[in-house]
Amino acid sequence: MKLKYAILIGALLASGTILAEDAIKTYEVTVTNLTKSINITPLLAVSHNRRASLFTLGEPASEGLAAMAEGGDTSTLQATLMDDPGVFATATTGGLLGPGESVTFMIDSDERNRLFSLVGMLLPTNDAFAAISSVKFPRRNTIPVYATAYDAGSEENDELCANIPGPTCGGEPFSDGMAEGYVYISNGINGQGDLDPAEYTWQNPVLKVIFHRISTQ
């Protein structure tokens, strides 16, 4: 009789563990622009596991990442991620995020997909972007996470307004030229083109991200 009870309890515990792992957790995420003069294009956020990533330092940018970093278009990257079995959910924001401004959105995760990543292009730049890569969602408390600025290495950093989209320059993205060919930590605006470093360069971090777990389904 004791053996039967032990088996029953073990089965119930196992069932509870499975249910806990499958429970969907919803997070409210607030992103604040910490720069003085940089706008951030609409953000793409992802919940995922360790099999998925948006980029790797020192490696070439994917087509989707390059499109986001050069033109602020997240659609190609988002579509690729939604087909990735390592990705649980994606979320996007609308409009530019100006200096000192904040935006809030919701994203889901579960116990098997506890990692969070985020990207958004920095304007005015050729192909710099803000990113958070594979940080863990908090289990309970609200915590701040900070984003670093990276360079996609997919477009030449000529800093010419003709090759930079957005409200400051109004140019066209995706210019030709000799790019670095790999993702690296951005060194900011150097003043070799139309942009004044005193006005438009930055120091890391460039974004602050706050998580607040609001529900479990």
C-alpha atoms as a PDB file:
ATOM      1  CA  MET A   1       0.000   0.000   0.000  1.00  0.00           C
ATOM      2  CA  LYS A   2       2.786   2.410   0.845  1.00  0.00           C
ATOM      3  CA  LEU A   3       4.393   1.701  -2.519  1.00  0.00           C
ATOM      4  CA  LYS A   4       1.165   2.592  -4.332  1.00  0.00           C
ATOM      5  CA  TYR A   5       0.907   5.882  -2.425  1.00  0.00           C
ATOM      6  CA  ALA A   6       4.558   6.686  -3.199  1.00  0.00           C
ATOM      7  CA  ILE A   7       3.987   6.038  -6.899  1.00  0.00           C
ATOM      8  CA  LEU A   8       0.858   8.210  -6.891  1.00  0.00           C
ATOM      9  CA  ILE A   9       2.597  11.092  -5.106  1.00  0.00           C
ATOM     10  CA  GLY A  10       5.568  10.851  -7.462  1.00  0.00           C
ATOM     11  CA  ALA A  11       3.261  10.999 -10.470  1.00  0.00           C
ATOM     12  CA  LEU A  12       1.468  14.035  -9.077  1.00  0.00           C
ATOM     13  CA  LEU A  13       4.743  15.795  -8.372  1.00  0.00           C
ATOM     14  CA  ALA A  14       6.003  15.043 -11.860  1.00  0.00           C
ATOM     15  CA  SER A  15       2.753  16.320 -13.339  1.00  0.00           C
ATOM     16  CA  GLY A  16       3.025  19.499 -11.275  1.00  0.00           C
ATOM     17  CA  THR A  17       6.592  20.012 -12.469  1.00  0.00           C
ATOM     18  CA  ILE A  18       5.553  19.675 -16.080  1.00  0.00           C
ATOM     19  CA  LEU A  19       2.688  22.123 -15.585  1.00  0.00           C
ATOM     20  CA  ALA A  20       5.017  24.593 -13.854  1.00  0.00           C
ATOM     21  CA  GLU A  21       7.496  24.367 -16.711  1.00  0.00           C
ATOM     22  CA  ASP A  22       4.750  24.874 -19.301  1.00  0.00           C
ATOM     23  CA  ALA A  23       3.166  27.833 -17.505  1.00  0.00           C
ATOM     24  CA  ILE A  24       3.348  31.008 -19.576  1.00  0.00           C
ATOM     25  CA  LYS A  25       4.810  34.005 -17.744  1.00  0.00           C
ATOM     26  CA  THR A  26       3.927  37.499 -18.934  1.00  0.00           C
ATOM     27  CA  TYR A  27       6.352  40.360 -18.371  1.00  0.00           C
ATOM     28  CA  GLU A  28       5.839  44.094 -18.638  1.00  0.00           C
ATOM     29  CA  VAL A  29       9.080  45.529 -20.048  1.00  0.00           C
ATOM     30  CA  THR A  30       9.944  49.233 -19.879  1.00  0.00           C
ATOM     31  CA  VAL A  31      12.840  50.545 -21.986  1.00  0.00           C
ATOM     32  CA  THR A  32      14.371  54.004 -21.397  1.00  0.00           C
ATOM     33  CA  ASN A  33      16.734  55.808 -23.776  1.00  0.00           C
ATOM     34  CA  LEU A  34      19.764  56.968 -21.744  1.00  0.00           C
ATOM     35  CA  THR A  35      21.509  58.961 -24.477  1.00  0.00           C
ATOM     36  CA  LYS A  36      21.658  62.740 -24.944  1.00  0.00           C
ATOM     37  CA  SER A  37      20.960  63.042 -28.682  1.00  0.00           C
ATOM     38  CA  ILE A  38      20.364  59.570 -30.126  1.00  0.00           C
ATOM     39  CA  ASN A  39      16.999  58.243 -31.310  1.00  0.00           C
ATOM     40  CA  ILE A  40      16.284  54.515 -31.238  1.00  0.00           C
ATOM     41  CA  THR A  41      14.216  52.894 -33.980  1.00  0.00           C
ATOM     42  CA  PRO A  42      11.327  50.532 -33.112  1.00  0.00           C
ATOM     43  CA  LEU A  43      12.614  47.776 -30.864  1.00  0.00           C
ATOM     44  CA  LEU A  44      12.477  44.028 -31.396  1.00  0.00           C
ATOM     45  CA  ALA A  45      12.381  41.899 -28.250  1.00  0.00           C
ATOM     46  CA  VAL A  46      12.642  38.105 -28.053  1.00  0.00           C
ATOM     47  CA  SER A  47      12.130  35.430 -25.410  1.00  0.00           C
ATOM     48  CA  HIS A  48      14.125  32.305 -26.176  1.00  0.00           C
ATOM     49  CA  ASN A  49      16.357  29.505 -24.949  1.00  0.00           C
ATOM     50  CA  ARG A  50      20.101  28.973 -25.360  1.00  0.00           C
ATOM     51  CA  ARG A  51      19.737  27.518 -28.850  1.00  0.00           C
ATOM     52  CA  ALA A  52      18.753  30.923 -30.263  1.00  0.00           C
ATOM     53  CA  SER A  53      20.633  34.218 -30.477  1.00  0.00           C
ATOM     54  CA  LEU A  54      20.360  37.490 -32.391  1.00  0.00           C
ATOM     55  CA  PHE A  55      24.069  37.884 -33.078  1.00  0.00           C
ATOM     56  CA  THR A  56      27.543  36.761 -32.050  1.00  0.00           C
ATOM     57  CA  LEU A  57      30.370  39.201 -31.371  1.00  0.00           C
ATOM     58  CA  GLY A  58      33.178  38.796 -33.870  1.00  0.00           C
ATOM     59  CA  GLU A  59      30.937  37.041 -36.392  1.00  0.00           C
ATOM     60  CA  PRO A  60      29.212  38.509 -39.497  1.00  0.00           C
ATOM     61  CA  ALA A  61      25.762  39.999 -38.964  1.00  0.00           C
ATOM     62  CA  SER A  62      22.836  38.041 -40.357  1.00  0.00           C
ATOM     63  CA  GLU A  63      20.763  39.542 -43.159  1.00  0.00           C
ATOM     64  CA  GLY A  64      18.018  40.417 -40.685  1.00  0.00           C
ATOM     65  CA  LEU A  65      20.368  42.004 -38.178  1.00  0.00           C
ATOM     66  CA  ALA A  66      22.030  44.067 -40.926  1.00  0.00           C
ATOM     67  CA  ALA A  67      18.654  45.298 -42.174  1.00  0.00           C
ATOM     68  CA  MET A  68      17.749  46.381 -38.636  1.00  0.00           C
ATOM     69  CA  ALA A  69      21.123  48.020 -37.920  1.00  0.00           C
ATOM     70  CA  GLU A  70      21.316  49.912 -41.244  1.00  0.00           C
ATOM     71  CA  GLY A  71      17.676  50.849 -41.781  1.00  0.00           C
ATOM     72  CA  GLY A  72      15.762  50.170 -38.573  1.00  0.00           C
ATOM     73  CA  ASP A  73      13.641  47.476 -40.261  1.00  0.00           C
ATOM     74  CA  THR A  74      13.068  44.560 -37.878  1.00  0.00           C
ATOM     75  CA  SER A  75      10.693  42.560 -40.099  1.00  0.00           C
ATOM     76  CA  THR A  76      13.284  40.241 -41.687  1.00  0.00           C
ATOM     77  CA  LEU A  77      14.978  39.507 -38.366  1.00  0.00           C
ATOM     78  CA  GLN A  78      11.641  38.938 -36.633  1.00  0.00           C
ATOM     79  CA  ALA A  79      10.443  36.552 -39.352  1.00  0.00           C
ATOM     80  CA  THR A  80      13.664  34.551 -39.089  1.00  0.00           C
ATOM     81  CA  LEU A  81      13.395  34.357 -35.324  1.00  0.00           C
ATOM     82  CA  MET A  82       9.752  33.259 -35.418  1.00  0.00           C
ATOM     83  CA  ASP A  83      10.853  30.242 -37.493  1.00  0.00           C
ATOM     84  CA  ASP A  84      13.613  29.390 -35.007  1.00  0.00           C
ATOM     85  CA  PRO A  85      12.619  26.496 -32.681  1.00  0.00           C
ATOM     86  CA  GLY A  86      14.693  28.120 -29.945  1.00  0.00           C
ATOM     87  CA  VAL A  87      12.455  31.210 -29.874  1.00  0.00           C
ATOM     88  CA  PHE A  88       9.299  31.341 -27.744  1.00  0.00           C
ATOM     89  CA  ALA A  89       7.872  34.831 -28.488  1.00  0.00           C
ATOM     90  CA  THR A  90       8.695  38.174 -30.077  1.00  0.00           C
ATOM     91  CA  ALA A  91       7.433  41.706 -29.451  1.00  0.00           C
ATOM     92  CA  THR A  92       7.954  45.028 -31.216  1.00  0.00           C
ATOM     93  CA  THR A  93       7.397  48.686 -30.401  1.00  0.00           C
ATOM     94  CA  GLY A  94       6.284  51.509 -32.694  1.00  0.00           C
ATOM     95  CA  GLY A  95       7.883  54.853 -33.483  1.00  0.00           C
ATOM     96  CA  LEU A  96      11.195  56.347 -32.466  1.00  0.00           C
ATOM     97  CA  LEU A  97      12.369  56.334 -28.858  1.00  0.00           C
ATOM     98  CA  GLY A  98      13.887  59.771 -28.242  1.00  0.00           C
ATOM     99  CA  PRO A  99      16.492  60.772 -25.652  1.00  0.00           C
ATOM    100  CA  GLY A 100      15.112  60.370 -22.130  1.00  0.00           C
ATOM    101  CA  GLU A 101      11.905  58.729 -23.371  1.00  0.00           C
ATOM    102  CA  SER A 102      10.506  55.370 -22.298  1.00  0.00           C
ATOM    103  CA  VAL A 103       8.334  52.742 -23.950  1.00  0.00           C
ATOM    104  CA  THR A 104       6.521  49.795 -22.354  1.00  0.00           C
ATOM    105  CA  PHE A 105       5.454  46.513 -23.949  1.00  0.00           C
ATOM    106  CA  MET A 106       4.499  42.959 -22.970  1.00  0.00           C
ATOM    107  CA  ILE A 107       6.252  39.708 -23.800  1.00  0.00           C
ATOM    108  CA  ASP A 108       5.652  36.082 -22.766  1.00  0.00           C
ATOM    109  CA  SER A 109       8.089  33.383 -21.754  1.00  0.00           C
ATOM    110  CA  ASP A 110       8.055  30.051 -19.954  1.00  0.00           C
ATOM    111  CA  GLU A 111      10.441  28.006 -17.833  1.00  0.00           C
ATOM    112  CA  ARG A 112      12.126  26.479 -20.879  1.00  0.00           C
ATOM    113  CA  ASN A 113      12.622  29.871 -22.530  1.00  0.00           C
ATOM    114  CA  ARG A 114      13.916  32.165 -19.799  1.00  0.00           C
ATOM    115  CA  LEU A 115      16.270  34.311 -21.889  1.00  0.00           C
ATOM    116  CA  PHE A 116      15.524  37.815 -23.180  1.00  0.00           C
ATOM    117  CA  SER A 117      17.170  39.701 -26.040  1.00  0.00           C
ATOM    118  CA  LEU A 118      16.478  43.136 -27.510  1.00  0.00           C
ATOM    119  CA  VAL A 119      17.742  45.204 -30.474  1.00  0.00           C
ATOM    120  CA  GLY A 120      17.115  48.641 -31.968  1.00  0.00           C
ATOM    121  CA  MET A 121      19.053  50.860 -34.393  1.00  0.00           C
ATOM    122  CA  LEU A 122      20.806  54.019 -33.159  1.00  0.00           C
ATOM    123  CA  LEU A 123      20.121  57.188 -35.181  1.00  0.00           C
ATOM    124  CA  PRO A 124      22.039  58.955 -36.589  1.00  0.00           C
ATOM    125  CA  THR A 125      24.529  56.163 -37.359  1.00  0.00           C
ATOM    126  CA  ASN A 126      25.318  53.987 -40.357  1.00  0.00           C
ATOM    127  CA  ASP A 127      24.811  50.619 -38.676  1.00  0.00           C
ATOM    128  CA  ALA A 128      25.069  50.941 -34.896  1.00  0.00           C
ATOM    129  CA  PHE A 129      22.448  49.320 -32.696  1.00  0.00           C
ATOM    130  CA  ALA A 130      21.563  48.936 -29.040  1.00  0.00           C
ATOM    131  CA  ALA A 131      21.271  45.387 -27.770  1.00  0.00           C
ATOM    132  CA  ILE A 132      20.710  43.171 -24.791  1.00  0.00           C
ATOM    133  CA  SER A 133      21.734  39.599 -25.497  1.00  0.00           C
ATOM    134  CA  SER A 134      20.460  36.537 -23.647  1.00  0.00           C
ATOM    135  CA  VAL A 135      19.812  37.840 -20.138  1.00  0.00           C
ATOM    136  CA  LYS A 136      17.584  35.846 -17.805  1.00  0.00           C
ATOM    137  CA  PHE A 137      14.088  37.058 -17.017  1.00  0.00           C
ATOM    138  CA  PRO A 138      13.693  37.721 -13.274  1.00  0.00           C
ATOM    139  CA  ARG A 139      11.724  35.125 -11.354  1.00  0.00           C
ATOM    140  CA  ARG A 140      10.015  37.613  -9.062  1.00  0.00           C
ATOM    141  CA  ASN A 141      11.516  41.058  -8.517  1.00  0.00           C
ATOM    142  CA  THR A 142      11.863  43.972 -10.891  1.00  0.00           C
ATOM    143  CA  ILE A 143      15.500  44.391 -11.941  1.00  0.00           C
ATOM    144  CA  PRO A 144      17.311  46.836 -14.256  1.00  0.00           C
ATOM    145  CA  VAL A 145      19.331  45.595 -17.227  1.00  0.00           C
ATOM    146  CA  TYR A 146      21.423  47.889 -19.421  1.00  0.00           C
ATOM    147  CA  ALA A 147      21.984  47.773 -23.183  1.00  0.00           C
ATOM    148  CA  THR A 148      25.317  48.286 -24.929  1.00  0.00           C
ATOM    149  CA  ALA A 149      25.807  49.879 -28.369  1.00  0.00           C
ATOM    150  CA  TYR A 150      27.204  47.574 -31.052  1.00  0.00           C
ATOM    151  CA  ASP A 151      28.178  47.995 -34.701  1.00  0.00           C
ATOM    152  CA  ALA A 152      26.830  45.450 -37.174  1.00  0.00           C
ATOM    153  CA  GLY A 153      29.946  45.769 -39.348  1.00  0.00           C
ATOM    154  CA  SER A 154      27.690  45.550 -42.418  1.00  0.00           C
ATOM    155  CA  GLU A 155      27.957  49.150 -43.679  1.00  0.00           C
ATOM    156  CA  GLU A 156      30.875  51.563 -43.934  1.00  0.00           C
ATOM    157  CA  ASN A 157      30.889  54.117 -41.115  1.00  0.00           C
ATOM    158  CA  ASP A 158      31.261  57.152 -43.373  1.00  0.00           C
ATOM    159  CA  GLU A 159      28.936  59.217 -41.120  1.00  0.00           C
ATOM    160  CA  LEU A 160      27.497  60.938 -44.190  1.00  0.00           C
ATOM    161  CA  CYS A 161      23.913  62.074 -43.837  1.00  0.00           C
ATOM    162  CA  ALA A 162      23.172  60.911 -47.379  1.00  0.00           C
ATOM    163  CA  ASN A 163      23.664  57.343 -46.125  1.00  0.00           C
ATOM    164  CA  ILE A 164      21.879  57.650 -42.773  1.00  0.00           C
ATOM    165  CA  PRO A 165      18.080  57.483 -42.442  1.00  0.00           C
ATOM    166  CA  GLY A 166      15.974  59.082 -39.737  1.00  0.00           C
ATOM    167  CA  PRO A 167      14.943  62.522 -38.528  1.00  0.00           C
ATOM    168  CA  THR A 168      18.439  63.979 -38.103  1.00  0.00           C
ATOM    169  CA  CYS A 169      19.856  63.128 -41.534  1.00  0.00           C
ATOM    170  CA  GLY A 170      16.935  61.985 -43.683  1.00  0.00           C
ATOM    171  CA  GLY A 171      19.226  59.936 -45.929  1.00  0.00           C
ATOM    172  CA  GLU A 172      18.988  56.474 -47.474  1.00  0.00           C
ATOM    173  CA  PRO A 173      20.166  53.298 -45.705  1.00  0.00           C
ATOM    174  CA  PHE A 174      22.153  50.383 -47.144  1.00  0.00           C
ATOM    175  CA  SER A 175      25.030  52.296 -48.721  1.00  0.00           C
ATOM    176  CA  ASP A 176      27.941  50.580 -50.472  1.00  0.00           C
ATOM    177  CA  GLY A 177      31.442  50.702 -49.073  1.00  0.00           C
ATOM    178  CA  MET A 178      34.067  48.724 -47.207  1.00  0.00           C
ATOM    179  CA  ALA A 179      32.524  47.485 -43.958  1.00  0.00           C
ATOM    180  CA  GLU A 180      34.286  45.667 -41.131  1.00  0.00           C
ATOM    181  CA  GLY A 181      32.435  42.415 -41.774  1.00  0.00           C
ATOM    182  CA  TYR A 182      31.716  41.408 -38.160  1.00  0.00           C
ATOM    183  CA  VAL A 183      29.728  42.584 -35.129  1.00  0.00           C
ATOM    184  CA  TYR A 184      31.709  44.541 -32.553  1.00  0.00           C
ATOM    185  CA  ILE A 185      31.171  47.018 -29.712  1.00  0.00           C
ATOM    186  CA  SER A 186      30.590  50.421 -31.304  1.00  0.00           C
ATOM    187  CA  ASN A 187      33.141  53.176 -30.756  1.00  0.00           C
ATOM    188  CA  GLY A 188      30.576  55.929 -31.324  1.00  0.00           C
ATOM    189  CA  ILE A 189      30.674  58.896 -33.684  1.00  0.00           C
ATOM    190  CA  ASN A 190      34.168  59.850 -34.872  1.00  0.00           C
ATOM    191  CA  GLY A 191      33.452  63.092 -36.754  1.00  0.00           C
ATOM    192  CA  GLN A 192      34.724  61.979 -40.145  1.00  0.00           C
ATOM    193  CA  GLY A 193      31.512  62.908 -41.991  1.00  0.00           C
ATOM    194  CA  ASP A 194      28.550  65.172 -41.297  1.00  0.00           C
ATOM    195  CA  LEU A 195      28.038  64.309 -37.628  1.00  0.00           C
ATOM    196  CA  ASP A 196      29.562  66.265 -34.747  1.00  0.00           C
ATOM    197  CA  PRO A 197      30.896  63.892 -32.064  1.00  0.00           C
ATOM    198  CA  ALA A 198      30.288  66.493 -29.371  1.00  0.00           C
ATOM    199  CA  GLU A 199      26.576  66.317 -30.199  1.00  0.00           C
ATOM    200  CA  TYR A 200      25.950  62.753 -31.280  1.00  0.00           C
ATOM    201  CA  THR A 201      28.447  60.392 -29.677  1.00  0.00           C
ATOM    202  CA  TRP A 202      27.516  58.403 -26.567  1.00  0.00           C
ATOM    203  CA  GLN A 203      28.894  56.321 -23.757  1.00  0.00           C
ATOM    204  CA  ASN A 204      27.537  52.939 -22.738  1.00  0.00           C
ATOM    205  CA  PRO A 205      25.014  52.014 -21.549  1.00  0.00           C
ATOM    206  CA  VAL A 206      22.509  53.430 -24.035  1.00  0.00           C
ATOM    207  CA  LEU A 207      19.271  51.853 -22.785  1.00  0.00           C
ATOM    208  CA  LYS A 208      17.867  50.823 -19.414  1.00  0.00           C
ATOM    209  CA  VAL A 209      15.402  47.932 -19.312  1.00  0.00           C
ATOM    210  CA  ILE A 210      13.111  47.155 -16.379  1.00  0.00           C
ATOM    211  CA  PHE A 211      11.184  43.879 -16.097  1.00  0.00           C
ATOM    212  CA  HIS A 212       8.002  43.414 -14.104  1.00  0.00           C
ATOM    213  CA  ARG A 213       6.410  39.972 -14.000  1.00  0.00           C
ATOM    214  CA  ILE A 214       2.663  40.512 -14.071  1.00  0.00           C
ATOM    215  CA  SER A 215       1.066  37.080 -14.496  1.00  0.00           C
ATOM    216  CA  THR A 216       1.393  33.351 -14.943  1.00  0.00           C
ATOM    217  CA  GLN A 217      -1.113  31.534 -17.164  1.00  0.00           C
END
